[in-house]
Amino acid sequence: MLAKRFSLFLILISIFLCFSNSALASLVIAEGKATGQWYNPSRDGEGFYVEVIQSGDSALIGIAMYSYDNSGNQLWIVGTAPVSDTATTATIPVYRVEGTVWGTGYDPDDRVTTDFGTLTVRFTGCNSALFQLRVDAEGFEDGDYSLVRLTNVVGIECFDSPPKPLK
């Protein structure tokens, strides 16, 4: 009898945890709470800028990844995609941007944008996220990133607990 109660308890806890993480992840994307800088402390010097904005009736998530190519040069990967109010993940087509120079020599016509792959993002809490980069570009490999928040945005509060019901 005790074993059955314990099993039922474990099942209920599992359902609660799945619901809580799913509900929180959905809220983080849809309400803009994911906006900020994200990184993996073991990969210091590489990271992601994330911004969730309202565009008309739709929410969009924009990502910019800063890293390095195989020769040690700076590498910028960028992308934007719509997100729904109930989304727990977003899959974003990403592009490599390169080709122009700093300062007075800057010419936007020198900029080259090429397909790089897709980035799937899931915010597992207000301060944690999992990003999966699937690369189509030659010479680069796929990457899985377990991230923590580096910065918060003033005026956007986020707490790692499910939302309180409306009264």
Foldseek 3Di string as FASTA:
>chain_A
DVVVVVVVVVVVVVVVLVVWQQQQLLCCQQVFLLAAWKADVVQPPKTKGWTWDDDPPWIKIKIWIWDAAPVRHIWIKIWMDTDDSRDQKDKTFIWTWDFADDDPRGDVVRIDIGGFFIKMKGARFSFWIWIWGCGPDPRDHTDIGIITGDDGDPPRDGDGGRDDDDD
